[in-house]
Amino acid sequence: MVGRRILSWSVALTFVIASVVSCSRPSSIETFIQASKASEGGTYIFNVDMTDPNLTYDISFYTEIGDRNSLPIGKIPFNIVFSAPSGKKYEEVVYMVLSNQISDNNEARQYKALYRKGIVPSEYGIWRMAVTVGEENYHINGLRGLGIIVANNKISR
């Protein structure tokens, strides 16, 4: 009888340990928004979880362009407004260089580019990232959407 209790406790303890370990934060999170789901003006809105002070964050963009005959030449401008949890805004324009192509098939080309590496946020929490692809009077035909990858890195102390 005692042997069965020890066995059942050890099985229960194994499940508890496994569930705690499996609940750890994933090393990266990807979010893709289809072009048809972008807000008015072609702005893509992402919520970026930067709540853990023990991590730094790497953010990359990825996209797919389906109209192979109207690819922009050189680079794609991204107008970014990053809003802190307190509401403070940071704005900039960055460019995805089209040499960052990761896939090419008969239907589309896929691109990926690092936006920022090793981000230590000025405020911890959920940040809002609004990205407008292109500029006024500059539309990319065949843009299928925009995605971000947020990778987490442990801070070594």
N, C-alpha and C. Protein backbone atom coordinates (compact mmCIF):
# COMPACT_ATOMS: atom_id res chain seq x y z
N MET A 1 0.82 -1.20 0.00
CA MET A 1 0.00 0.00 0.00
C MET A 1 0.87 1.27 0.00
N VAL A 2 1.92 1.25 0.81
CA VAL A 2 2.82 2.40 0.87
C VAL A 2 3.52 2.59 -0.47
N GLY A 3 3.89 1.51 -1.11
CA GLY A 3 4.53 1.58 -2.42
C GLY A 3 3.65 2.23 -3.47
N ARG A 4 2.35 1.93 -3.42
CA ARG A 4 1.41 2.53 -4.38
C ARG A 4 1.27 4.03 -4.12
N ARG A 5 1.23 4.43 -2.86
CA ARG A 5 1.13 5.87 -2.54
C ARG A 5 2.36 6.62 -3.02
N ILE A 6 3.53 6.04 -2.79
CA ILE A 6 4.76 6.70 -3.24
C ILE A 6 4.76 6.79 -4.76
N LEU A 7 4.35 5.74 -5.42
CA LEU A 7 4.28 5.74 -6.88
C LEU A 7 3.31 6.79 -7.38
N SER A 8 2.11 6.87 -6.77
CA SER A 8 1.13 7.86 -7.22
C SER A 8 1.61 9.28 -6.92
N TRP A 9 2.28 9.49 -5.80
CA TRP A 9 2.83 10.82 -5.50
C TRP A 9 3.95 11.18 -6.47
N SER A 10 4.77 10.21 -6.82
CA SER A 10 5.86 10.50 -7.75
C SER A 10 5.31 10.79 -9.15
N VAL A 11 4.26 10.09 -9.54
CA VAL A 11 3.62 10.38 -10.83
C VAL A 11 3.02 11.78 -10.81
N ALA A 12 2.32 12.12 -9.74
CA ALA A 12 1.71 13.46 -9.61
C ALA A 12 2.79 14.53 -9.62
N LEU A 13 3.88 14.31 -8.90
CA LEU A 13 4.97 15.28 -8.86
C LEU A 13 5.60 15.44 -10.24
N THR A 14 5.75 14.35 -10.97
CA THR A 14 6.28 14.42 -12.33
C THR A 14 5.39 15.29 -13.21
N PHE A 15 4.06 15.14 -13.13
CA PHE A 15 3.15 15.95 -13.92
C PHE A 15 3.23 17.43 -13.52
N VAL A 16 3.36 17.72 -12.25
CA VAL A 16 3.47 19.11 -11.79
C VAL A 16 4.75 19.73 -12.32
N ILE A 17 5.86 19.03 -12.21
CA ILE A 17 7.14 19.56 -12.72
C ILE A 17 7.07 19.75 -14.23
N ALA A 18 6.50 18.80 -14.94
CA ALA A 18 6.38 18.92 -16.39
C ALA A 18 5.52 20.10 -16.78
N SER A 19 4.44 20.34 -16.05
CA SER A 19 3.57 21.46 -16.40
C SER A 19 4.24 22.79 -16.09
N VAL A 20 5.03 22.87 -15.03
CA VAL A 20 5.74 24.11 -14.71
C VAL A 20 6.78 24.39 -15.78
N VAL A 21 7.53 23.38 -16.18
CA VAL A 21 8.55 23.56 -17.19
C VAL A 21 7.92 23.92 -18.54
N SER A 22 6.82 23.30 -18.89
CA SER A 22 6.19 23.57 -20.18
C SER A 22 5.49 24.92 -20.22
N CYS A 23 5.27 25.55 -19.08
CA CYS A 23 4.62 26.86 -19.04
C CYS A 23 5.62 28.00 -19.18
N SER A 24 6.88 27.68 -19.40
CA SER A 24 7.86 28.76 -19.54
C SER A 24 7.57 29.53 -20.83
N ARG A 25 8.04 30.73 -20.87
CA ARG A 25 7.82 31.63 -21.98
C ARG A 25 8.50 31.10 -23.24
N PRO A 26 7.82 31.14 -24.40
CA PRO A 26 8.47 30.68 -25.64
C PRO A 26 9.63 31.60 -26.00
N SER A 27 10.62 31.06 -26.70
CA SER A 27 11.80 31.86 -27.04
C SER A 27 11.52 32.89 -28.13
N SER A 28 10.44 32.70 -28.89
CA SER A 28 10.04 33.72 -29.87
C SER A 28 8.55 33.60 -30.14
N ILE A 29 7.98 34.73 -30.55
CA ILE A 29 6.55 34.77 -30.88
C ILE A 29 6.42 35.46 -32.24
N GLU A 30 5.69 34.83 -33.13
CA GLU A 30 5.45 35.40 -34.46
C GLU A 30 4.00 35.84 -34.58
N THR A 31 3.81 36.99 -35.19
CA THR A 31 2.48 37.50 -35.48
C THR A 31 2.47 37.98 -36.92
N PHE A 32 1.51 37.49 -37.72
CA PHE A 32 1.38 37.92 -39.10
C PHE A 32 -0.01 38.49 -39.31
N ILE A 33 -0.08 39.66 -39.94
CA ILE A 33 -1.37 40.29 -40.25
C ILE A 33 -1.51 40.36 -41.76
N GLN A 34 -2.58 39.77 -42.27
CA GLN A 34 -2.84 39.82 -43.71
C GLN A 34 -3.14 41.26 -44.12
N ALA A 35 -2.79 41.59 -45.35
CA ALA A 35 -3.01 42.95 -45.86
C ALA A 35 -4.47 43.36 -45.74
N SER A 36 -5.38 42.43 -45.96
CA SER A 36 -6.81 42.75 -45.87
C SER A 36 -7.24 43.08 -44.44
N LYS A 37 -6.44 42.72 -43.46
CA LYS A 37 -6.77 42.98 -42.05
C LYS A 37 -6.06 44.21 -41.49
N ALA A 38 -5.22 44.85 -42.30
CA ALA A 38 -4.54 46.06 -41.86
C ALA A 38 -5.57 47.17 -41.65
N SER A 39 -5.28 48.09 -40.76
CA SER A 39 -6.23 49.18 -40.51
C SER A 39 -6.21 50.16 -41.68
N GLU A 40 -7.10 51.12 -41.63
CA GLU A 40 -7.21 52.12 -42.70
C GLU A 40 -5.86 52.79 -42.91
N GLY A 41 -5.50 52.99 -44.14
CA GLY A 41 -4.21 53.59 -44.45
C GLY A 41 -3.09 52.57 -44.55
N GLY A 42 -3.44 51.28 -44.43
CA GLY A 42 -2.44 50.23 -44.57
C GLY A 42 -1.51 50.10 -43.38
N THR A 43 -2.00 50.44 -42.20
CA THR A 43 -1.18 50.35 -40.99
C THR A 43 -1.42 49.01 -40.29
N TYR A 44 -0.35 48.36 -39.93
CA TYR A 44 -0.39 47.08 -39.23
C TYR A 44 -0.11 47.35 -37.75
N ILE A 45 -0.99 46.87 -36.89
CA ILE A 45 -0.88 47.12 -35.44
C ILE A 45 -0.48 45.81 -34.75
N PHE A 46 0.62 45.87 -34.00
CA PHE A 46 1.11 44.70 -33.26
C PHE A 46 1.22 45.06 -31.78
N ASN A 47 0.89 44.11 -30.92
CA ASN A 47 1.15 44.25 -29.49
C ASN A 47 2.42 43.45 -29.19
N VAL A 48 3.39 44.12 -28.61
CA VAL A 48 4.69 43.50 -28.35
C VAL A 48 4.87 43.37 -26.84
N ASP A 49 4.94 42.14 -26.37
CA ASP A 49 5.07 41.84 -24.95
C ASP A 49 6.53 41.99 -24.52
N MET A 50 6.81 43.07 -23.80
CA MET A 50 8.15 43.30 -23.25
C MET A 50 7.99 43.53 -21.74
N THR A 51 7.45 42.53 -21.06
CA THR A 51 7.12 42.65 -19.65
C THR A 51 8.21 42.11 -18.71
N ASP A 52 9.12 41.32 -19.23
CA ASP A 52 10.08 40.63 -18.36
C ASP A 52 11.41 41.38 -18.29
N PRO A 53 11.78 41.91 -17.10
CA PRO A 53 13.03 42.65 -16.98
C PRO A 53 14.28 41.77 -17.06
N ASN A 54 14.11 40.45 -17.09
CA ASN A 54 15.24 39.53 -17.20
C ASN A 54 15.56 39.17 -18.65
N LEU A 55 14.88 39.81 -19.60
CA LEU A 55 15.06 39.50 -21.01
C LEU A 55 15.41 40.74 -21.81
N THR A 56 16.14 40.53 -22.92
CA THR A 56 16.23 41.54 -23.98
C THR A 56 15.40 40.98 -25.13
N TYR A 57 15.12 41.82 -26.09
CA TYR A 57 14.20 41.44 -27.17
C TYR A 57 14.81 41.78 -28.53
N ASP A 58 14.66 40.86 -29.47
CA ASP A 58 15.03 41.09 -30.86
C ASP A 58 13.74 41.09 -31.67
N ILE A 59 13.59 42.08 -32.54
CA ILE A 59 12.38 42.16 -33.37
C ILE A 59 12.78 42.15 -34.84
N SER A 60 12.14 41.27 -35.59
CA SER A 60 12.35 41.18 -37.04
C SER A 60 11.02 41.33 -37.75
N PHE A 61 11.07 41.84 -38.97
CA PHE A 61 9.90 41.92 -39.84
C PHE A 61 10.00 40.83 -40.90
N TYR A 62 8.85 40.35 -41.36
CA TYR A 62 8.82 39.49 -42.54
C TYR A 62 7.57 39.80 -43.33
N THR A 63 7.66 39.59 -44.64
CA THR A 63 6.53 39.88 -45.52
C THR A 63 6.60 39.00 -46.76
N GLU A 64 5.53 39.03 -47.52
CA GLU A 64 5.47 38.29 -48.78
C GLU A 64 4.84 39.21 -49.81
N ILE A 65 5.46 39.25 -50.97
CA ILE A 65 4.95 40.08 -52.06
C ILE A 65 4.62 39.15 -53.22
N GLY A 66 3.36 39.17 -53.64
CA GLY A 66 2.88 38.23 -54.65
C GLY A 66 2.95 38.73 -56.06
N ASP A 67 2.98 40.04 -56.28
CA ASP A 67 3.03 40.58 -57.64
C ASP A 67 4.49 40.73 -58.04
N ARG A 68 5.00 39.71 -58.70
CA ARG A 68 6.43 39.68 -59.04
C ARG A 68 6.81 40.74 -60.07
N ASN A 69 5.84 41.27 -60.80
CA ASN A 69 6.15 42.26 -61.84
C ASN A 69 6.23 43.68 -61.31
N SER A 70 5.80 43.90 -60.07
CA SER A 70 5.81 45.28 -59.57
C SER A 70 6.58 45.40 -58.26
N LEU A 71 7.64 44.62 -58.12
CA LEU A 71 8.43 44.71 -56.90
C LEU A 71 9.12 46.06 -56.83
N PRO A 72 9.13 46.66 -55.65
CA PRO A 72 9.84 47.92 -55.51
C PRO A 72 11.34 47.70 -55.71
N ILE A 73 12.02 48.73 -56.12
CA ILE A 73 13.45 48.62 -56.38
C ILE A 73 14.21 49.00 -55.11
N GLY A 74 15.08 48.12 -54.67
CA GLY A 74 15.99 48.44 -53.59
C GLY A 74 15.52 48.18 -52.18
N LYS A 75 14.54 48.97 -51.72
CA LYS A 75 14.14 48.86 -50.32
C LYS A 75 12.70 49.31 -50.12
N ILE A 76 12.10 48.79 -49.03
CA ILE A 76 10.72 49.12 -48.70
C ILE A 76 10.72 49.95 -47.42
N PRO A 77 10.15 51.16 -47.44
CA PRO A 77 10.11 51.96 -46.21
C PRO A 77 9.01 51.48 -45.25
N PHE A 78 9.35 51.43 -43.97
CA PHE A 78 8.42 51.12 -42.90
C PHE A 78 8.38 52.32 -41.96
N ASN A 79 7.22 52.96 -41.87
CA ASN A 79 7.02 54.06 -40.91
C ASN A 79 6.53 53.43 -39.62
N ILE A 80 7.30 53.59 -38.56
CA ILE A 80 7.01 52.89 -37.30
C ILE A 80 6.69 53.90 -36.20
N VAL A 81 5.61 53.65 -35.49
CA VAL A 81 5.28 54.38 -34.27
C VAL A 81 5.19 53.34 -33.16
N PHE A 82 6.13 53.42 -32.23
CA PHE A 82 6.21 52.48 -31.11
C PHE A 82 5.68 53.22 -29.89
N SER A 83 4.62 52.72 -29.28
CA SER A 83 4.00 53.37 -28.12
C SER A 83 4.27 52.55 -26.86
N ALA A 84 4.84 53.23 -25.85
CA ALA A 84 5.13 52.59 -24.57
C ALA A 84 3.83 52.36 -23.81
N PRO A 85 3.86 51.51 -22.78
CA PRO A 85 2.65 51.31 -21.97
C PRO A 85 2.10 52.60 -21.37
N SER A 86 2.97 53.58 -21.11
CA SER A 86 2.54 54.86 -20.55
C SER A 86 1.93 55.78 -21.60
N GLY A 87 2.09 55.43 -22.90
CA GLY A 87 1.56 56.26 -23.97
C GLY A 87 2.62 57.07 -24.70
N LYS A 88 3.84 57.13 -24.17
CA LYS A 88 4.92 57.86 -24.84
C LYS A 88 5.20 57.20 -26.19
N LYS A 89 5.39 58.04 -27.23
CA LYS A 89 5.56 57.51 -28.58
C LYS A 89 6.98 57.76 -29.10
N TYR A 90 7.46 56.77 -29.85
CA TYR A 90 8.75 56.86 -30.52
C TYR A 90 8.47 56.59 -32.00
N GLU A 91 8.96 57.45 -32.88
CA GLU A 91 8.68 57.32 -34.32
C GLU A 91 9.98 57.28 -35.11
N GLU A 92 9.97 56.47 -36.16
CA GLU A 92 11.11 56.42 -37.06
C GLU A 92 10.70 55.76 -38.37
N VAL A 93 11.55 55.92 -39.38
CA VAL A 93 11.38 55.23 -40.66
C VAL A 93 12.60 54.33 -40.82
N VAL A 94 12.34 53.06 -41.11
CA VAL A 94 13.41 52.11 -41.41
C VAL A 94 13.10 51.47 -42.76
N TYR A 95 14.07 50.78 -43.33
CA TYR A 95 13.90 50.22 -44.66
C TYR A 95 14.23 48.73 -44.65
N MET A 96 13.35 47.95 -45.29
CA MET A 96 13.64 46.53 -45.50
C MET A 96 14.33 46.44 -46.86
N VAL A 97 15.56 46.01 -46.85
CA VAL A 97 16.33 45.88 -48.08
C VAL A 97 15.89 44.61 -48.79
N LEU A 98 15.62 44.72 -50.06
CA LEU A 98 15.07 43.57 -50.80
C LEU A 98 16.10 42.48 -51.06
N SER A 99 17.34 42.71 -50.68
CA SER A 99 18.32 41.63 -50.77
C SER A 99 18.13 40.63 -49.62
N ASN A 100 17.24 40.94 -48.68
CA ASN A 100 16.96 40.05 -47.55
C ASN A 100 15.89 39.02 -47.91
N GLN A 101 15.88 38.59 -49.15
CA GLN A 101 14.90 37.61 -49.61
C GLN A 101 15.21 36.25 -48.99
N ILE A 102 14.17 35.58 -48.45
CA ILE A 102 14.38 34.27 -47.83
C ILE A 102 13.73 33.15 -48.62
N SER A 103 12.82 33.49 -49.54
CA SER A 103 12.14 32.45 -50.30
C SER A 103 11.63 33.04 -51.61
N ASP A 104 11.62 32.22 -52.62
CA ASP A 104 11.13 32.65 -53.94
C ASP A 104 10.49 31.44 -54.60
N ASN A 105 9.24 31.61 -55.00
CA ASN A 105 8.58 30.56 -55.76
C ASN A 105 7.85 31.22 -56.92
N ASN A 106 7.08 30.47 -57.66
CA ASN A 106 6.39 31.03 -58.83
C ASN A 106 5.33 32.05 -58.47
N GLU A 107 4.85 32.01 -57.24
CA GLU A 107 3.76 32.89 -56.84
C GLU A 107 4.19 34.13 -56.07
N ALA A 108 5.25 34.04 -55.29
CA ALA A 108 5.60 35.16 -54.42
C ALA A 108 7.05 35.09 -53.97
N ARG A 109 7.50 36.21 -53.44
CA ARG A 109 8.81 36.29 -52.80
C ARG A 109 8.62 36.68 -51.34
N GLN A 110 9.39 36.05 -50.48
CA GLN A 110 9.31 36.34 -49.05
C GLN A 110 10.59 37.02 -48.59
N TYR A 111 10.42 37.97 -47.67
CA TYR A 111 11.54 38.76 -47.17
C TYR A 111 11.51 38.79 -45.65
N LYS A 112 12.69 38.86 -45.07
CA LYS A 112 12.81 38.96 -43.62
C LYS A 112 13.98 39.89 -43.31
N ALA A 113 13.79 40.76 -42.30
CA ALA A 113 14.87 41.68 -41.93
C ALA A 113 14.81 41.97 -40.43
N LEU A 114 15.97 42.00 -39.81
CA LEU A 114 16.07 42.36 -38.40
C LEU A 114 15.76 43.85 -38.25
N TYR A 115 14.87 44.18 -37.33
CA TYR A 115 14.55 45.57 -37.03
C TYR A 115 15.45 46.09 -35.91
N ARG A 116 15.43 45.44 -34.76
CA ARG A 116 16.26 45.82 -33.61
C ARG A 116 16.71 44.57 -32.88
N LYS A 117 17.92 44.61 -32.35
CA LYS A 117 18.48 43.47 -31.60
C LYS A 117 18.85 43.94 -30.20
N GLY A 118 18.55 43.10 -29.22
CA GLY A 118 18.95 43.39 -27.84
C GLY A 118 18.23 44.56 -27.20
N ILE A 119 16.95 44.72 -27.51
CA ILE A 119 16.17 45.84 -26.97
C ILE A 119 15.99 45.65 -25.47
N VAL A 120 16.31 46.69 -24.72
CA VAL A 120 15.99 46.76 -23.30
C VAL A 120 15.01 47.93 -23.19
N PRO A 121 13.73 47.64 -22.98
CA PRO A 121 12.72 48.71 -23.03
C PRO A 121 12.89 49.72 -21.88
N SER A 122 12.53 50.95 -22.16
CA SER A 122 12.56 51.98 -21.12
C SER A 122 11.44 51.77 -20.11
N GLU A 123 10.39 51.05 -20.53
CA GLU A 123 9.28 50.67 -19.65
C GLU A 123 8.93 49.22 -19.96
N TYR A 124 8.66 48.47 -18.92
CA TYR A 124 8.24 47.08 -19.14
C TYR A 124 6.73 47.03 -19.24
N GLY A 125 6.24 46.20 -20.14
CA GLY A 125 4.80 46.06 -20.35
C GLY A 125 4.52 45.69 -21.79
N ILE A 126 3.27 45.89 -22.20
CA ILE A 126 2.85 45.61 -23.57
C ILE A 126 2.98 46.90 -24.37
N TRP A 127 3.85 46.88 -25.36
CA TRP A 127 4.05 48.02 -26.25
C TRP A 127 3.16 47.84 -27.48
N ARG A 128 2.79 48.96 -28.08
CA ARG A 128 1.98 48.94 -29.31
C ARG A 128 2.87 49.42 -30.45
N MET A 129 2.95 48.61 -31.49
CA MET A 129 3.78 48.95 -32.65
C MET A 129 2.88 49.11 -33.86
N ALA A 130 2.83 50.32 -34.40
CA ALA A 130 2.04 50.61 -35.59
C ALA A 130 3.01 50.80 -36.76
N VAL A 131 2.87 49.97 -37.80
CA VAL A 131 3.79 49.99 -38.92
C VAL A 131 3.00 50.26 -40.20
N THR A 132 3.37 51.31 -40.90
CA THR A 132 2.79 51.60 -42.20
C THR A 132 3.85 51.28 -43.24
N VAL A 133 3.51 50.39 -44.17
CA VAL A 133 4.44 49.96 -45.20
C VAL A 133 4.31 50.91 -46.38
N GLY A 134 5.44 51.43 -46.83
CA GLY A 134 5.44 52.36 -47.95
C GLY A 134 5.30 53.79 -47.46
N GLU A 135 5.13 54.68 -48.39
CA GLU A 135 4.98 56.10 -48.09
C GLU A 135 3.76 56.61 -48.83
N GLU A 136 3.42 57.86 -48.58
CA GLU A 136 2.31 58.46 -49.30
C GLU A 136 2.60 58.37 -50.80
N ASN A 137 1.61 57.98 -51.58
CA ASN A 137 1.75 57.80 -53.03
C ASN A 137 2.74 56.71 -53.40
N TYR A 138 2.99 55.79 -52.49
CA TYR A 138 3.93 54.69 -52.76
C TYR A 138 3.27 53.41 -52.28
N HIS A 139 2.61 52.70 -53.18
CA HIS A 139 1.89 51.49 -52.83
C HIS A 139 2.63 50.29 -53.41
N ILE A 140 2.70 49.22 -52.64
CA ILE A 140 3.35 48.00 -53.10
C ILE A 140 2.27 47.02 -53.54
N ASN A 141 2.15 46.81 -54.84
CA ASN A 141 1.17 45.86 -55.36
C ASN A 141 1.57 44.46 -54.94
N GLY A 142 0.59 43.67 -54.55
CA GLY A 142 0.85 42.28 -54.20
C GLY A 142 1.34 42.05 -52.79
N LEU A 143 1.40 43.08 -51.96
CA LEU A 143 1.82 42.90 -50.57
C LEU A 143 0.75 42.06 -49.87
N ARG A 144 1.13 40.91 -49.35
CA ARG A 144 0.17 39.99 -48.75
C ARG A 144 0.00 40.19 -47.26
N GLY A 145 0.85 40.98 -46.66
CA GLY A 145 0.75 41.25 -45.24
C GLY A 145 2.11 41.52 -44.64
N LEU A 146 2.11 41.70 -43.33
CA LEU A 146 3.34 41.98 -42.61
C LEU A 146 3.35 41.19 -41.31
N GLY A 147 4.49 40.68 -40.97
CA GLY A 147 4.63 39.94 -39.72
C GLY A 147 5.82 40.43 -38.92
N ILE A 148 5.77 40.14 -37.62
CA ILE A 148 6.93 40.41 -36.76
C ILE A 148 7.28 39.13 -36.00
N ILE A 149 8.53 39.01 -35.69
CA ILE A 149 9.03 37.94 -34.83
C ILE A 149 9.70 38.64 -33.65
N VAL A 150 9.23 38.33 -32.45
CA VAL A 150 9.84 38.88 -31.24
C VAL A 150 10.55 37.73 -30.54
N ALA A 151 11.88 37.81 -30.51
CA ALA A 151 12.68 36.76 -29.86
C ALA A 151 13.14 37.27 -28.50
N ASN A 152 13.10 36.38 -27.52
CA ASN A 152 13.49 36.72 -26.16
C ASN A 152 14.88 36.16 -25.87
N ASN A 153 15.71 36.96 -25.20
CA ASN A 153 17.05 36.53 -24.83
C ASN A 153 17.26 36.79 -23.36
N LYS A 154 17.72 35.78 -22.63
CA LYS A 154 17.98 35.97 -21.19
C LYS A 154 19.17 36.89 -21.02
N ILE A 155 19.05 37.79 -20.05
CA ILE A 155 20.16 38.68 -19.70
C ILE A 155 21.09 37.89 -18.80
N SER A 156 22.35 37.82 -19.18
CA SER A 156 23.31 37.11 -18.32
C SER A 156 23.90 38.12 -17.34
N ARG A 157 23.79 37.77 -16.06
CA ARG A 157 24.27 38.69 -15.01
C ARG A 157 25.35 38.05 -14.21
